[in-house]
Amino acid sequence: QVQLVESGGRLVQAGGSLRLSCVASGRTFSSYAQAWFRQAPGKEREFVAAIAWAAGDTYYADSVQGRWTISRDNAARSLYLQMNNLKPEDTAVYYCAAAISRYSGSYSTPKEFDTWGQGTQVTVSS
């Protein structure tokens, strides 16, 4: 069974940068795609960024396009999210997700992903 563990979240000032990491544990790990989602208090979980494992194609929410970068290190079984020019509205719990057993290509839909981490809190002060 694969487990995902996120790290890197903390309090940061607006305009600052953070790098989130997500490490996969388990005997073997492969996935169709991995993604980052976030959830702010009182709001639904929303798509942030995704990467297709085979081709490495990346996808971003409009709100983070141009500011953030999703990347991976297959050897390290790790997924990353480099977040630059952070804004107070980026405050949320950030979740790493993986589509391991199935994937239809709808990368922005939480239901596409069957494995989730526990989340890491990112707080951006103004």
Protein backbone atom coordinates (compact mmCIF):
# COMPACT_ATOMS: atom_id res chain seq x y z
CA GLN A 1 0.00 0.00 0.00
CA VAL A 2 1.33 3.41 -0.97
CA GLN A 3 1.39 6.28 1.47
CA LEU A 4 2.00 9.91 0.57
CA VAL A 5 3.56 12.33 3.04
CA GLU A 6 3.67 16.06 2.39
CA SER A 7 6.03 18.56 3.95
CA GLY A 8 7.19 22.14 3.52
CA GLY A 9 4.14 24.11 4.55
CA ARG A 10 4.58 27.03 6.94
CA LEU A 11 3.75 30.67 7.56
CA VAL A 12 5.18 33.00 4.92
CA GLN A 13 4.70 36.64 3.97
CA ALA A 14 2.96 37.68 0.80
CA GLY A 15 5.38 37.73 -2.11
CA GLY A 16 7.48 34.97 -0.61
CA SER A 17 8.18 31.46 -1.84
CA LEU A 18 7.75 27.93 -0.55
CA ARG A 19 8.57 24.49 -1.87
CA LEU A 20 6.25 21.66 -0.94
CA SER A 21 7.39 18.07 -1.13
CA CYS A 22 5.49 14.80 -1.26
CA VAL A 23 7.25 11.49 -0.75
CA ALA A 24 5.70 8.16 -1.63
CA SER A 25 6.40 5.17 0.58
CA GLY A 26 5.62 1.56 -0.01
CA ARG A 27 7.16 -1.41 -1.71
CA THR A 28 6.60 -0.15 -5.20
CA PHE A 29 5.26 3.08 -6.55
CA SER A 30 3.97 3.99 -9.94
CA SER A 31 1.08 6.15 -10.93
CA TYR A 32 -0.70 7.50 -13.95
CA ALA A 33 -0.57 11.02 -12.59
CA GLN A 34 0.10 13.01 -9.46
CA ALA A 35 -1.33 16.32 -8.40
CA TRP A 36 -1.59 18.98 -5.77
CA PHE A 37 -4.93 20.15 -4.46
CA ARG A 38 -5.72 22.65 -1.75
CA GLN A 39 -8.56 23.34 0.61
CA ALA A 40 -9.20 26.57 2.46
CA PRO A 41 -11.52 26.74 5.48
CA GLY A 42 -15.15 26.61 4.43
CA LYS A 43 -14.30 25.89 0.80
CA GLU A 44 -14.22 22.83 -1.39
CA ARG A 45 -10.99 21.11 -2.31
CA GLU A 46 -9.65 22.67 -5.48
CA PHE A 47 -7.15 21.66 -8.12
CA VAL A 48 -3.76 23.37 -8.11
CA ALA A 49 -1.42 21.46 -10.43
CA ALA A 50 -0.90 18.01 -11.94
CA ILE A 51 1.75 16.05 -13.76
CA ALA A 52 1.28 13.02 -15.97
CA TRP A 53 3.77 10.42 -14.89
CA ALA A 54 4.66 8.92 -18.25
CA ALA A 55 5.09 11.97 -20.46
CA GLY A 56 5.60 14.56 -17.77
CA ASP A 57 2.93 16.87 -19.12
CA THR A 58 1.98 19.48 -16.55
CA TYR A 59 -1.28 21.27 -15.89
CA TYR A 60 -2.09 24.26 -13.69
CA ALA A 61 -5.06 26.08 -12.28
CA ASP A 62 -5.43 29.57 -13.73
CA SER A 63 -4.87 31.05 -10.28
CA VAL A 64 -1.34 29.68 -10.04
CA GLN A 65 -0.28 29.54 -13.70
CA GLY A 66 3.00 31.39 -14.13
CA ARG A 67 3.70 31.56 -10.40
CA TRP A 68 4.11 27.91 -9.47
CA THR A 69 5.82 24.84 -10.86
CA ILE A 70 5.04 21.18 -10.32
CA SER A 71 7.87 18.70 -10.77
CA ARG A 72 8.88 15.19 -9.84
CA ASP A 73 11.89 13.05 -9.09
CA ASN A 74 11.13 9.47 -10.00
CA ALA A 75 14.22 8.08 -8.33
CA ALA A 76 13.33 9.83 -5.09
CA ARG A 77 9.63 8.91 -5.47
CA SER A 78 8.92 12.54 -4.83
CA LEU A 79 6.61 15.23 -6.10
CA TYR A 80 7.26 18.93 -5.61
CA LEU A 81 5.41 22.21 -5.84
CA GLN A 82 7.53 25.35 -6.11
CA MET A 83 5.33 28.26 -5.10
CA ASN A 84 6.54 31.78 -5.89
CA ASN A 85 4.90 35.15 -5.36
CA LEU A 86 2.55 33.76 -2.73
CA LYS A 87 -0.66 35.63 -1.99
CA PRO A 88 -2.92 35.60 1.08
CA GLU A 89 -5.58 33.82 -0.97
CA ASP A 90 -3.17 30.91 -1.37
CA THR A 91 -3.65 30.10 2.32
CA ALA A 92 -4.94 26.55 2.57
CA VAL A 93 -4.08 22.97 3.43
CA TYR A 94 -2.22 21.49 0.47
CA TYR A 95 -2.70 17.85 -0.42
CA CYS A 96 -0.62 15.56 -2.58
CA ALA A 97 -2.59 13.00 -4.58
CA ALA A 98 -1.80 10.10 -6.89
CA ALA A 99 -3.85 8.19 -9.45
CA ILE A 100 -2.50 4.67 -8.97
CA SER A 101 -5.15 2.14 -9.95
CA ARG A 102 -7.05 4.08 -12.59
CA TYR A 103 -7.07 7.40 -14.42
CA SER A 104 -9.30 8.83 -17.11
CA GLY A 105 -7.32 12.00 -17.68
CA SER A 106 -9.51 14.45 -15.77
CA TYR A 107 -6.55 15.78 -13.83
CA SER A 108 -8.44 18.59 -12.10
CA THR A 109 -11.03 16.30 -10.51
CA PRO A 110 -10.31 15.01 -6.99
CA LYS A 111 -12.20 11.76 -7.71
CA GLU A 112 -9.55 10.85 -10.29
CA PHE A 113 -7.02 10.34 -7.52
CA ASP A 114 -7.25 7.31 -5.25
CA THR A 115 -4.35 7.99 -2.90
CA TRP A 116 -3.97 11.10 -0.77
CA GLY A 117 -1.59 12.53 1.78
CA GLN A 118 -2.63 14.09 5.07
CA GLY A 119 -1.91 17.64 3.93
CA THR A 120 0.43 20.43 4.89
CA GLN A 121 -0.68 23.89 6.01
CA VAL A 122 0.40 26.93 4.04
CA THR A 123 -0.42 30.31 5.54
CA VAL A 124 0.36 33.52 3.68
CA SER A 125 0.23 36.73 5.68
CA SER A 126 -0.45 40.11 4.10
